[in-house]
Amino acid sequence: MTQPVKSSAKPPDTNALSSNDERARIEGPLTTRDGKITVAQGVVQKIAGMACREISGVHAMGGGATRAFGAIRERIPGSSGPNVAQGVGVEVGETQAAIDLDIVVEYGVSIADLGQSIQRNVKQAVERMTALEVVEVNISVADVHLPTDEADSSGQESRVS
């Protein structure tokens, strides 16, 4: 007959494990034992707008009506100048952000390459500055800026009559 063997080892302290696991789960770049850091939607919009405009090939941001309204707003004395968040939509959660961009591209630029460069730059800038995980950067090309758009508005004569 065999008798059950009694273990002299103590069972693990489940309270110690759960509190360490819970502390690791709760603490993160934006939540620490000292408090919680929240990032406003407008902050993420501005960072994404600036990061998008840094990429060569982006002429402007926003749809036609948005750009027209922005141009009027900029001409009003005492206005704060250009709106860097124009053309940027964001959803911000506690640890993640999703970004939507409306852009106008320069004629001749590869839209696919430009889009990938924008996505990479915006994601890096937002994640570096806010510690939020950027889950997606969606880009909508609203228009293509043609070189003739500036020539026609600058008063140059047309070559054809």
C-alpha atoms as a PDB file:
ATOM      1  CA  MET A   1       0.000   0.000   0.000  1.00  0.00           C
ATOM      2  CA  THR A   2       1.211   3.413  -0.868  1.00  0.00           C
ATOM      3  CA  GLN A   3       0.572   6.389   1.236  1.00  0.00           C
ATOM      4  CA  PRO A   4       0.091   9.887  -0.155  1.00  0.00           C
ATOM      5  CA  VAL A   5       3.193  12.007   0.043  1.00  0.00           C
ATOM      6  CA  LYS A   6       2.829  15.207   1.963  1.00  0.00           C
ATOM      7  CA  SER A   7       4.507  18.176   0.412  1.00  0.00           C
ATOM      8  CA  SER A   8       6.442  20.453   2.708  1.00  0.00           C
ATOM      9  CA  ALA A   9       6.527  23.265   0.123  1.00  0.00           C
ATOM     10  CA  LYS A  10       4.152  26.147   0.685  1.00  0.00           C
ATOM     11  CA  PRO A  11       1.592  26.834  -2.012  1.00  0.00           C
ATOM     12  CA  PRO A  12       2.308  30.047  -3.946  1.00  0.00           C
ATOM     13  CA  ASP A  13       0.875  33.210  -2.488  1.00  0.00           C
ATOM     14  CA  THR A  14      -1.884  33.952  -5.007  1.00  0.00           C
ATOM     15  CA  ASN A  15      -2.430  37.422  -3.590  1.00  0.00           C
ATOM     16  CA  ALA A  16       1.180  38.408  -4.299  1.00  0.00           C
ATOM     17  CA  LEU A  17       0.961  37.090  -7.861  1.00  0.00           C
ATOM     18  CA  SER A  18      -2.323  38.715  -8.648  1.00  0.00           C
ATOM     19  CA  SER A  19      -1.272  42.085  -7.262  1.00  0.00           C
ATOM     20  CA  ASN A  20       1.971  42.028  -9.303  1.00  0.00           C
ATOM     21  CA  ASP A  21       0.095  40.959 -12.436  1.00  0.00           C
ATOM     22  CA  GLU A  22      -2.551  43.584 -11.812  1.00  0.00           C
ATOM     23  CA  ARG A  23       0.054  46.276 -11.204  1.00  0.00           C
ATOM     24  CA  ALA A  24       1.847  45.341 -14.457  1.00  0.00           C
ATOM     25  CA  ARG A  25      -1.453  45.367 -16.338  1.00  0.00           C
ATOM     26  CA  ILE A  26      -2.571  48.707 -14.886  1.00  0.00           C
ATOM     27  CA  GLU A  27       0.760  50.522 -15.195  1.00  0.00           C
ATOM     28  CA  GLY A  28       1.784  51.570 -18.654  1.00  0.00           C
ATOM     29  CA  PRO A  29       3.163  54.598 -20.417  1.00  0.00           C
ATOM     30  CA  LEU A  30      -0.013  56.589 -19.694  1.00  0.00           C
ATOM     31  CA  THR A  31      -1.095  55.012 -16.419  1.00  0.00           C
ATOM     32  CA  THR A  32       1.319  54.724 -13.535  1.00  0.00           C
ATOM     33  CA  ARG A  33       0.962  54.309  -9.815  1.00  0.00           C
ATOM     34  CA  ASP A  34       1.426  58.083  -9.591  1.00  0.00           C
ATOM     35  CA  GLY A  35      -1.617  58.821 -11.723  1.00  0.00           C
ATOM     36  CA  LYS A  36      -3.109  58.790 -15.182  1.00  0.00           C
ATOM     37  CA  ILE A  37      -2.123  60.774 -18.280  1.00  0.00           C
ATOM     38  CA  THR A  38      -4.810  61.584 -20.825  1.00  0.00           C
ATOM     39  CA  VAL A  39      -4.171  63.005 -24.286  1.00  0.00           C
ATOM     40  CA  ALA A  40      -6.860  65.241 -25.788  1.00  0.00           C
ATOM     41  CA  GLN A  41      -8.185  64.608 -29.262  1.00  0.00           C
ATOM     42  CA  GLY A  42      -7.026  68.047 -30.421  1.00  0.00           C
ATOM     43  CA  VAL A  43      -3.450  67.252 -29.414  1.00  0.00           C
ATOM     44  CA  VAL A  44      -3.388  64.128 -31.570  1.00  0.00           C
ATOM     45  CA  GLN A  45      -4.991  66.077 -34.455  1.00  0.00           C
ATOM     46  CA  LYS A  46      -2.274  68.746 -34.356  1.00  0.00           C
ATOM     47  CA  ILE A  47       0.576  66.232 -34.150  1.00  0.00           C
ATOM     48  CA  ALA A  48      -0.852  64.208 -37.052  1.00  0.00           C
ATOM     49  CA  GLY A  49      -1.460  67.345 -39.132  1.00  0.00           C
ATOM     50  CA  MET A  50       2.084  68.610 -38.632  1.00  0.00           C
ATOM     51  CA  ALA A  51       3.596  65.178 -39.340  1.00  0.00           C
ATOM     52  CA  CYS A  52       1.548  64.861 -42.540  1.00  0.00           C
ATOM     53  CA  ARG A  53       2.561  68.301 -43.799  1.00  0.00           C
ATOM     54  CA  GLU A  54       6.258  67.424 -43.283  1.00  0.00           C
ATOM     55  CA  ILE A  55       6.098  64.966 -46.190  1.00  0.00           C
ATOM     56  CA  SER A  56       7.087  66.347 -49.582  1.00  0.00           C
ATOM     57  CA  GLY A  57       4.233  65.950 -52.063  1.00  0.00           C
ATOM     58  CA  VAL A  58       1.440  67.027 -49.721  1.00  0.00           C
ATOM     59  CA  HIS A  59       0.130  70.326 -51.110  1.00  0.00           C
ATOM     60  CA  ALA A  60      -2.707  70.956 -48.635  1.00  0.00           C
ATOM     61  CA  MET A  61      -5.044  69.195 -46.251  1.00  0.00           C
ATOM     62  CA  GLY A  62      -8.812  69.004 -46.104  1.00  0.00           C
ATOM     63  CA  GLY A  63     -11.603  68.813 -48.655  1.00  0.00           C
ATOM     64  CA  GLY A  64     -12.568  71.691 -50.933  1.00  0.00           C
ATOM     65  CA  ALA A  65     -15.104  73.293 -48.581  1.00  0.00           C
ATOM     66  CA  THR A  66     -12.809  72.880 -45.581  1.00  0.00           C
ATOM     67  CA  ARG A  67      -9.900  74.524 -47.399  1.00  0.00           C
ATOM     68  CA  ALA A  68     -12.123  77.410 -48.586  1.00  0.00           C
ATOM     69  CA  PHE A  69     -13.436  78.025 -45.072  1.00  0.00           C
ATOM     70  CA  GLY A  70      -9.874  77.825 -43.699  1.00  0.00           C
ATOM     71  CA  ALA A  71      -8.649  80.402 -46.248  1.00  0.00           C
ATOM     72  CA  ILE A  72     -11.414  82.818 -45.224  1.00  0.00           C
ATOM     73  CA  ARG A  73     -10.705  82.253 -41.522  1.00  0.00           C
ATOM     74  CA  GLU A  74      -6.990  82.981 -42.006  1.00  0.00           C
ATOM     75  CA  ARG A  75      -7.773  86.405 -43.537  1.00  0.00           C
ATOM     76  CA  ILE A  76      -9.788  87.576 -40.536  1.00  0.00           C
ATOM     77  CA  PRO A  77      -7.713  89.978 -38.422  1.00  0.00           C
ATOM     78  CA  GLY A  78      -6.841  88.464 -35.062  1.00  0.00           C
ATOM     79  CA  SER A  79      -7.341  84.882 -36.202  1.00  0.00           C
ATOM     80  CA  SER A  80      -4.856  82.346 -34.973  1.00  0.00           C
ATOM     81  CA  GLY A  81      -3.490  81.663 -38.452  1.00  0.00           C
ATOM     82  CA  PRO A  82      -3.617  78.369 -40.317  1.00  0.00           C
ATOM     83  CA  ASN A  83      -5.356  75.477 -38.613  1.00  0.00           C
ATOM     84  CA  VAL A  84      -2.840  72.614 -38.481  1.00  0.00           C
ATOM     85  CA  ALA A  85      -5.625  70.169 -37.586  1.00  0.00           C
ATOM     86  CA  GLN A  86      -7.518  70.931 -40.830  1.00  0.00           C
ATOM     87  CA  GLY A  87      -8.205  67.711 -42.713  1.00  0.00           C
ATOM     88  CA  VAL A  88      -7.425  65.515 -39.706  1.00  0.00           C
ATOM     89  CA  GLY A  89      -9.955  63.313 -37.929  1.00  0.00           C
ATOM     90  CA  VAL A  90      -9.017  61.210 -34.924  1.00  0.00           C
ATOM     91  CA  GLU A  91     -10.519  58.780 -32.458  1.00  0.00           C
ATOM     92  CA  VAL A  92      -8.623  58.596 -29.195  1.00  0.00           C
ATOM     93  CA  GLY A  93      -9.094  55.879 -26.605  1.00  0.00           C
ATOM     94  CA  GLU A  94      -7.209  55.255 -23.371  1.00  0.00           C
ATOM     95  CA  THR A  95      -4.247  53.558 -25.068  1.00  0.00           C
ATOM     96  CA  GLN A  96      -4.943  53.710 -28.817  1.00  0.00           C
ATOM     97  CA  ALA A  97      -5.685  56.198 -31.574  1.00  0.00           C
ATOM     98  CA  ALA A  98      -7.040  55.953 -35.117  1.00  0.00           C
ATOM     99  CA  ILE A  99      -6.349  58.758 -37.587  1.00  0.00           C
ATOM    100  CA  ASP A 100      -8.086  59.842 -40.810  1.00  0.00           C
ATOM    101  CA  LEU A 101      -6.409  62.342 -43.148  1.00  0.00           C
ATOM    102  CA  ASP A 102      -7.849  64.246 -46.135  1.00  0.00           C
ATOM    103  CA  ILE A 103      -5.052  65.503 -48.377  1.00  0.00           C
ATOM    104  CA  VAL A 104      -4.368  67.288 -51.651  1.00  0.00           C
ATOM    105  CA  VAL A 105      -1.332  65.880 -53.473  1.00  0.00           C
ATOM    106  CA  GLU A 106       1.059  67.566 -55.870  1.00  0.00           C
ATOM    107  CA  TYR A 107       0.675  66.453 -59.481  1.00  0.00           C
ATOM    108  CA  GLY A 108       3.227  63.819 -60.514  1.00  0.00           C
ATOM    109  CA  VAL A 109       3.738  62.306 -57.065  1.00  0.00           C
ATOM    110  CA  SER A 110       3.109  58.589 -56.603  1.00  0.00           C
ATOM    111  CA  ILE A 111       0.018  58.499 -54.393  1.00  0.00           C
ATOM    112  CA  ALA A 112       0.814  55.000 -53.072  1.00  0.00           C
ATOM    113  CA  ASP A 113       4.380  55.943 -52.073  1.00  0.00           C
ATOM    114  CA  LEU A 114       3.231  59.261 -50.638  1.00  0.00           C
ATOM    115  CA  GLY A 115       0.502  57.547 -48.623  1.00  0.00           C
ATOM    116  CA  GLN A 116       2.925  55.031 -47.123  1.00  0.00           C
ATOM    117  CA  SER A 117       5.370  57.807 -46.200  1.00  0.00           C
ATOM    118  CA  ILE A 118       2.577  59.793 -44.553  1.00  0.00           C
ATOM    119  CA  GLN A 119       1.318  56.751 -42.642  1.00  0.00           C
ATOM    120  CA  ARG A 120       4.805  55.933 -41.361  1.00  0.00           C
ATOM    121  CA  ASN A 121       5.629  59.541 -40.344  1.00  0.00           C
ATOM    122  CA  VAL A 122       2.269  60.217 -38.675  1.00  0.00           C
ATOM    123  CA  LYS A 123       2.333  56.933 -36.778  1.00  0.00           C
ATOM    124  CA  GLN A 124       5.894  57.518 -35.530  1.00  0.00           C
ATOM    125  CA  ALA A 125       5.206  61.125 -34.494  1.00  0.00           C
ATOM    126  CA  VAL A 126       1.976  60.369 -32.612  1.00  0.00           C
ATOM    127  CA  GLU A 127       3.357  57.280 -30.876  1.00  0.00           C
ATOM    128  CA  ARG A 128       6.610  59.037 -29.917  1.00  0.00           C
ATOM    129  CA  MET A 129       4.913  62.139 -28.514  1.00  0.00           C
ATOM    130  CA  THR A 130       1.842  60.622 -26.865  1.00  0.00           C
ATOM    131  CA  ALA A 131       2.708  56.954 -26.143  1.00  0.00           C
ATOM    132  CA  LEU A 132      -0.645  56.044 -27.714  1.00  0.00           C
ATOM    133  CA  GLU A 133      -0.634  53.041 -30.038  1.00  0.00           C
ATOM    134  CA  VAL A 134      -1.735  54.175 -33.505  1.00  0.00           C
ATOM    135  CA  VAL A 135      -3.850  51.338 -34.851  1.00  0.00           C
ATOM    136  CA  GLU A 136      -4.526  52.866 -38.279  1.00  0.00           C
ATOM    137  CA  VAL A 137      -3.809  55.902 -40.425  1.00  0.00           C
ATOM    138  CA  ASN A 138      -6.369  56.200 -43.224  1.00  0.00           C
ATOM    139  CA  ILE A 139      -5.678  58.614 -46.063  1.00  0.00           C
ATOM    140  CA  SER A 140      -8.240  60.054 -48.445  1.00  0.00           C
ATOM    141  CA  VAL A 141      -6.866  61.933 -51.455  1.00  0.00           C
ATOM    142  CA  ALA A 142      -9.360  64.747 -51.986  1.00  0.00           C
ATOM    143  CA  ASP A 143      -7.656  66.497 -54.929  1.00  0.00           C
ATOM    144  CA  VAL A 144      -4.537  66.823 -57.055  1.00  0.00           C
ATOM    145  CA  HIS A 145      -2.842  70.219 -57.222  1.00  0.00           C
ATOM    146  CA  LEU A 146      -1.842  71.016 -60.805  1.00  0.00           C
ATOM    147  CA  PRO A 147       1.050  73.384 -61.625  1.00  0.00           C
ATOM    148  CA  THR A 148      -1.314  75.312 -63.917  1.00  0.00           C
ATOM    149  CA  ASP A 149      -3.508  76.159 -60.902  1.00  0.00           C
ATOM    150  CA  GLU A 150      -0.848  78.594 -59.654  1.00  0.00           C
ATOM    151  CA  ALA A 151       0.095  79.879 -63.123  1.00  0.00           C
ATOM    152  CA  ASP A 152      -3.531  80.804 -63.929  1.00  0.00           C
ATOM    153  CA  SER A 153      -3.968  82.643 -60.642  1.00  0.00           C
ATOM    154  CA  SER A 154      -0.622  84.479 -60.841  1.00  0.00           C
ATOM    155  CA  GLY A 155      -1.678  86.603 -63.821  1.00  0.00           C
ATOM    156  CA  GLN A 156       0.438  84.917 -66.477  1.00  0.00           C
ATOM    157  CA  GLU A 157      -0.911  85.100 -69.986  1.00  0.00           C
ATOM    158  CA  SER A 158      -2.292  81.993 -71.580  1.00  0.00           C
ATOM    159  CA  ARG A 159      -0.265  80.574 -74.463  1.00  0.00           C
ATOM    160  CA  VAL A 160      -3.438  79.880 -76.430  1.00  0.00           C
ATOM    161  CA  SER A 161      -6.043  82.337 -77.551  1.00  0.00           C
END
